[in-house]
N, C-alpha and C. Protein backbone atom coordinates (compact mmCIF):
# COMPACT_ATOMS: atom_id res chain seq x y z
N MET A 1 108.66 55.25 56.60
CA MET A 1 109.63 55.90 55.77
C MET A 1 109.32 57.40 55.75
N VAL A 2 110.38 58.19 55.73
CA VAL A 2 110.24 59.64 55.64
C VAL A 2 110.95 60.09 54.37
N THR A 3 110.25 60.90 53.57
CA THR A 3 110.85 61.50 52.38
C THR A 3 110.67 63.00 52.46
N GLU A 4 111.45 63.72 51.66
CA GLU A 4 111.36 65.18 51.60
C GLU A 4 111.01 65.56 50.16
N PRO A 5 109.68 65.62 49.84
CA PRO A 5 109.27 65.90 48.47
C PRO A 5 109.68 67.28 47.98
N SER A 6 109.86 68.23 48.89
CA SER A 6 110.39 69.55 48.56
C SER A 6 111.09 70.06 49.81
N PRO A 7 112.01 71.01 49.69
CA PRO A 7 112.76 71.48 50.86
C PRO A 7 111.85 71.92 52.00
N GLY A 8 112.05 71.32 53.17
CA GLY A 8 111.27 71.68 54.35
C GLY A 8 109.93 71.01 54.47
N THR A 9 109.55 70.18 53.50
CA THR A 9 108.29 69.44 53.55
C THR A 9 108.62 67.96 53.72
N TYR A 10 107.98 67.33 54.70
CA TYR A 10 108.28 65.93 55.01
C TYR A 10 107.03 65.08 54.85
N ARG A 11 107.20 63.92 54.22
CA ARG A 11 106.10 62.97 54.07
C ARG A 11 106.43 61.72 54.87
N PHE A 12 105.52 61.39 55.77
CA PHE A 12 105.65 60.20 56.61
C PHE A 12 104.68 59.16 56.05
N LYS A 13 105.20 58.01 55.64
CA LYS A 13 104.34 56.98 55.07
C LYS A 13 104.83 55.62 55.54
N GLY A 14 103.90 54.83 56.08
CA GLY A 14 104.23 53.49 56.53
C GLY A 14 103.26 53.04 57.59
N SER A 15 103.61 51.96 58.26
CA SER A 15 102.74 51.44 59.30
C SER A 15 103.55 50.68 60.34
N THR A 16 102.96 50.52 61.49
CA THR A 16 103.54 49.72 62.55
C THR A 16 102.41 49.00 63.27
N THR A 17 102.69 47.82 63.75
CA THR A 17 101.67 47.06 64.48
C THR A 17 102.01 46.94 65.95
N THR A 18 103.14 47.52 66.36
CA THR A 18 103.53 47.47 67.76
C THR A 18 103.39 48.84 68.40
N GLU A 19 103.20 48.84 69.70
CA GLU A 19 103.07 50.10 70.43
C GLU A 19 104.39 50.84 70.41
N THR A 20 104.33 52.13 70.23
CA THR A 20 105.54 52.94 70.22
C THR A 20 105.95 53.23 71.65
N GLY A 21 107.17 52.85 72.00
CA GLY A 21 107.64 53.05 73.36
C GLY A 21 108.36 54.37 73.53
N SER A 22 108.80 54.98 72.45
CA SER A 22 109.46 56.28 72.52
C SER A 22 109.29 56.97 71.18
N TRP A 23 109.56 58.27 71.18
CA TRP A 23 109.41 59.04 69.95
C TRP A 23 110.52 58.72 68.97
N ASN A 24 110.18 58.69 67.73
CA ASN A 24 111.16 58.71 66.64
C ASN A 24 111.08 60.12 66.10
N ASP A 25 112.22 60.77 65.95
CA ASP A 25 112.13 62.16 65.53
C ASP A 25 113.22 62.53 64.54
N LEU A 26 112.96 63.60 63.83
CA LEU A 26 113.92 64.23 62.93
C LEU A 26 114.36 65.51 63.63
N THR A 27 115.65 65.70 63.74
CA THR A 27 116.16 66.85 64.47
C THR A 27 116.86 67.81 63.52
N ASN A 28 116.62 69.09 63.75
CA ASN A 28 117.32 70.13 63.01
C ASN A 28 117.67 71.23 64.00
N VAL A 29 118.78 71.89 63.77
CA VAL A 29 119.25 72.94 64.66
C VAL A 29 119.39 74.23 63.86
N VAL A 30 118.93 75.34 64.45
CA VAL A 30 119.04 76.64 63.80
C VAL A 30 119.40 77.68 64.87
N HIS A 31 120.29 78.61 64.52
CA HIS A 31 120.61 79.70 65.44
C HIS A 31 119.59 80.81 65.24
N VAL A 32 119.07 81.34 66.36
CA VAL A 32 118.12 82.45 66.28
C VAL A 32 118.71 83.67 66.97
N ASP A 33 118.42 84.84 66.41
CA ASP A 33 118.76 86.10 67.04
C ASP A 33 117.62 86.47 67.97
N ALA A 34 117.90 87.29 68.96
CA ALA A 34 116.87 87.72 69.90
C ALA A 34 115.70 88.33 69.14
N GLY A 35 114.50 88.02 69.58
CA GLY A 35 113.30 88.56 68.95
C GLY A 35 112.09 87.73 69.28
N THR A 36 110.99 88.06 68.64
CA THR A 36 109.73 87.35 68.84
C THR A 36 109.50 86.41 67.67
N TYR A 37 109.19 85.17 67.98
CA TYR A 37 109.02 84.13 66.97
C TYR A 37 107.71 83.39 67.18
N THR A 38 107.26 82.73 66.12
CA THR A 38 106.13 81.82 66.22
C THR A 38 106.42 80.62 65.33
N MET A 39 105.87 79.49 65.69
CA MET A 39 106.01 78.26 64.92
C MET A 39 104.64 77.93 64.34
N ASP A 40 104.61 77.57 63.06
CA ASP A 40 103.33 77.27 62.44
C ASP A 40 103.53 76.26 61.32
N ALA A 41 102.43 75.69 60.91
CA ALA A 41 102.38 74.82 59.74
C ALA A 41 100.96 74.91 59.20
N THR A 42 100.81 75.07 57.92
CA THR A 42 99.46 75.16 57.36
C THR A 42 98.84 73.78 57.26
N ASP A 43 99.64 72.76 57.49
CA ASP A 43 99.16 71.39 57.30
C ASP A 43 99.49 70.50 58.50
N TRP A 44 99.20 70.98 59.73
CA TRP A 44 99.44 70.13 60.89
C TRP A 44 98.76 68.78 60.63
N PRO A 45 99.52 67.69 60.58
CA PRO A 45 98.94 66.40 60.19
C PRO A 45 97.81 65.93 61.09
N LEU A 46 97.92 66.15 62.39
CA LEU A 46 96.90 65.69 63.33
C LEU A 46 96.40 66.84 64.20
N GLY A 47 96.50 68.06 63.69
CA GLY A 47 96.09 69.24 64.46
C GLY A 47 97.29 69.81 65.20
N ASN A 48 97.19 71.07 65.62
CA ASN A 48 98.33 71.73 66.24
C ASN A 48 98.43 71.50 67.74
N ASN A 49 97.67 70.56 68.29
CA ASN A 49 97.79 70.25 69.71
C ASN A 49 97.94 68.75 69.95
N SER A 50 98.44 68.03 68.96
CA SER A 50 98.56 66.58 69.07
C SER A 50 99.95 66.17 69.54
N TRP A 51 99.99 65.25 70.50
CA TRP A 51 101.25 64.66 70.93
C TRP A 51 101.55 63.40 70.12
N LEU A 52 100.74 63.12 69.09
CA LEU A 52 101.01 61.97 68.22
C LEU A 52 101.94 62.34 67.07
N MET A 53 101.89 63.61 66.64
CA MET A 53 102.78 64.07 65.57
C MET A 53 102.85 65.58 65.64
N GLY A 54 104.06 66.12 65.63
CA GLY A 54 104.23 67.57 65.69
C GLY A 54 105.68 67.94 65.86
N ILE A 55 105.91 69.07 66.52
CA ILE A 55 107.26 69.59 66.75
C ILE A 55 107.41 69.93 68.22
N GLN A 56 108.60 69.66 68.74
CA GLN A 56 108.99 70.17 70.04
C GLN A 56 110.35 70.82 69.86
N ALA A 57 110.52 72.05 70.35
CA ALA A 57 111.75 72.80 70.15
C ALA A 57 112.28 73.31 71.48
N HIS A 58 113.58 73.15 71.67
CA HIS A 58 114.28 73.56 72.89
C HIS A 58 115.35 74.58 72.51
N ILE A 59 115.48 75.65 73.31
CA ILE A 59 116.52 76.64 73.04
C ILE A 59 117.63 76.54 74.08
N SER A 60 118.86 76.63 73.59
CA SER A 60 120.05 76.76 74.43
C SER A 60 120.56 78.17 74.19
N HIS A 61 120.58 78.99 75.26
CA HIS A 61 120.93 80.40 75.12
C HIS A 61 122.43 80.61 74.95
N ASP A 62 122.80 81.55 74.09
CA ASP A 62 124.20 81.89 73.86
C ASP A 62 124.90 82.40 75.12
N ASP A 63 124.14 83.06 76.01
CA ASP A 63 124.75 83.63 77.21
C ASP A 63 124.97 82.60 78.32
N GLY A 64 124.63 81.33 78.06
CA GLY A 64 124.85 80.28 79.04
C GLY A 64 123.74 80.12 80.06
N SER A 65 122.72 80.99 80.01
CA SER A 65 121.60 80.85 80.95
C SER A 65 120.82 79.58 80.62
N GLU A 66 120.00 79.16 81.55
CA GLU A 66 119.26 77.91 81.42
C GLU A 66 118.37 77.91 80.18
N GLY A 67 118.44 76.84 79.42
CA GLY A 67 117.60 76.68 78.24
C GLY A 67 116.19 76.28 78.62
N ALA A 68 115.34 76.16 77.61
CA ALA A 68 113.95 75.82 77.88
C ALA A 68 113.29 75.27 76.62
N THR A 69 112.26 74.48 76.83
CA THR A 69 111.41 74.06 75.72
C THR A 69 110.51 75.24 75.40
N VAL A 70 110.55 75.72 74.14
CA VAL A 70 109.81 76.92 73.80
C VAL A 70 108.64 76.68 72.85
N PHE A 71 108.67 75.61 72.07
CA PHE A 71 107.55 75.30 71.20
C PHE A 71 107.20 73.82 71.35
N GLY A 72 105.93 73.53 71.32
CA GLY A 72 105.44 72.16 71.37
C GLY A 72 103.94 72.16 71.26
N PRO A 73 103.34 70.97 71.17
CA PRO A 73 101.88 70.90 71.08
C PRO A 73 101.21 71.75 72.15
N ARG A 74 100.18 72.46 71.74
CA ARG A 74 99.41 73.39 72.58
C ARG A 74 100.22 74.63 72.96
N ASN A 75 101.40 74.83 72.32
CA ASN A 75 102.27 75.92 72.74
C ASN A 75 103.15 76.40 71.58
N TYR A 76 102.56 76.57 70.39
CA TYR A 76 103.33 77.02 69.23
C TYR A 76 103.28 78.52 69.01
N GLY A 77 102.53 79.24 69.81
CA GLY A 77 102.32 80.67 69.59
C GLY A 77 103.55 81.52 69.81
N GLN A 78 103.36 82.82 69.84
CA GLN A 78 104.46 83.79 69.93
C GLN A 78 105.29 83.61 71.19
N LYS A 79 106.61 83.66 70.99
CA LYS A 79 107.56 83.57 72.10
C LYS A 79 108.65 84.60 71.87
N THR A 80 109.06 85.26 72.94
CA THR A 80 110.21 86.16 72.88
C THR A 80 111.43 85.34 73.28
N LEU A 81 112.39 85.26 72.35
CA LEU A 81 113.58 84.44 72.56
C LEU A 81 114.82 85.31 72.62
N LYS A 82 115.80 84.84 73.41
CA LYS A 82 117.14 85.45 73.41
C LYS A 82 117.96 84.78 72.33
N ASP A 83 119.14 85.36 72.01
CA ASP A 83 120.05 84.72 71.08
C ASP A 83 120.31 83.30 71.55
N GLY A 84 120.27 82.35 70.61
CA GLY A 84 120.54 80.98 71.01
C GLY A 84 120.37 79.99 69.89
N THR A 85 120.56 78.72 70.24
CA THR A 85 120.43 77.62 69.30
C THR A 85 119.12 76.91 69.58
N LEU A 86 118.30 76.82 68.57
CA LEU A 86 117.00 76.18 68.68
C LEU A 86 117.09 74.79 68.06
N GLN A 87 116.87 73.76 68.89
CA GLN A 87 116.85 72.39 68.39
C GLN A 87 115.40 72.00 68.19
N CYS A 88 115.03 71.72 66.95
CA CYS A 88 113.65 71.38 66.61
C CYS A 88 113.56 69.89 66.31
N ASN A 89 112.63 69.21 66.96
CA ASN A 89 112.41 67.79 66.75
C ASN A 89 111.03 67.58 66.17
N ILE A 90 110.96 67.03 64.98
CA ILE A 90 109.69 66.59 64.42
C ILE A 90 109.48 65.17 64.94
N PHE A 91 108.38 64.95 65.62
CA PHE A 91 108.17 63.63 66.22
C PHE A 91 106.92 62.97 65.67
N ILE A 92 106.94 61.66 65.74
CA ILE A 92 105.76 60.87 65.42
C ILE A 92 105.68 59.78 66.46
N ASN A 93 104.55 59.66 67.10
CA ASN A 93 104.35 58.74 68.21
C ASN A 93 102.98 58.10 68.03
N THR A 94 102.84 57.33 66.99
CA THR A 94 101.54 56.74 66.69
C THR A 94 101.73 55.33 66.16
N THR A 95 100.66 54.57 66.12
CA THR A 95 100.70 53.22 65.57
C THR A 95 99.70 53.14 64.42
N GLY A 96 99.80 52.06 63.63
CA GLY A 96 98.90 51.87 62.51
C GLY A 96 99.44 52.53 61.26
N GLU A 97 98.55 52.79 60.33
CA GLU A 97 98.91 53.38 59.04
C GLU A 97 99.13 54.89 59.18
N VAL A 98 100.18 55.37 58.55
CA VAL A 98 100.47 56.81 58.52
C VAL A 98 100.78 57.19 57.08
N ASP A 99 100.14 58.24 56.61
CA ASP A 99 100.45 58.85 55.32
C ASP A 99 100.15 60.33 55.46
N LYS A 100 101.12 61.06 56.01
CA LYS A 100 100.93 62.48 56.33
C LYS A 100 102.08 63.30 55.77
N THR A 101 101.75 64.51 55.33
CA THR A 101 102.74 65.47 54.85
C THR A 101 102.73 66.65 55.81
N PHE A 102 103.92 67.18 56.08
CA PHE A 102 104.08 68.18 57.12
C PHE A 102 105.12 69.21 56.67
N THR A 103 104.75 70.51 56.75
CA THR A 103 105.66 71.60 56.37
C THR A 103 105.72 72.62 57.51
N PRO A 104 106.55 72.37 58.52
CA PRO A 104 106.65 73.32 59.64
C PRO A 104 107.46 74.55 59.26
N ARG A 105 107.13 75.68 59.90
CA ARG A 105 107.84 76.93 59.63
C ARG A 105 108.04 77.70 60.93
N LEU A 106 109.22 78.31 61.05
CA LEU A 106 109.53 79.21 62.15
C LEU A 106 109.56 80.62 61.59
N TYR A 107 108.77 81.52 62.16
CA TYR A 107 108.69 82.89 61.67
C TYR A 107 109.20 83.86 62.73
N LYS A 108 110.05 84.81 62.31
CA LYS A 108 110.46 85.88 63.19
C LYS A 108 109.51 87.05 62.97
N ILE A 109 108.86 87.48 64.03
CA ILE A 109 107.87 88.55 63.96
C ILE A 109 108.53 89.91 64.09
N ASP A 110 109.50 90.02 64.99
CA ASP A 110 110.27 91.28 65.12
C ASP A 110 111.66 91.00 65.61
């Protein structure tokens, strides 16, 4: 189960006994203006380089040029982006008991 105890904060609580065959994710879309951005969370549930739980974000550029994955595990640092739509997926790909809270943030640096 996923709840939102406060705006932008997500709590994942539950368990599974079967192997996860694909990601279950929460998707949100935000338009970004050209600039330098970084993705961060002060409470990465399993660290900021885990493929078990985190964020992966893909940008579709307004000018029609080829989009790209711009944020993901081991790659949340500063990125220079063009105007576009950023699709952010919070994913969880783990088995067993989960009780984690997560507050991801996208920051525009300039």
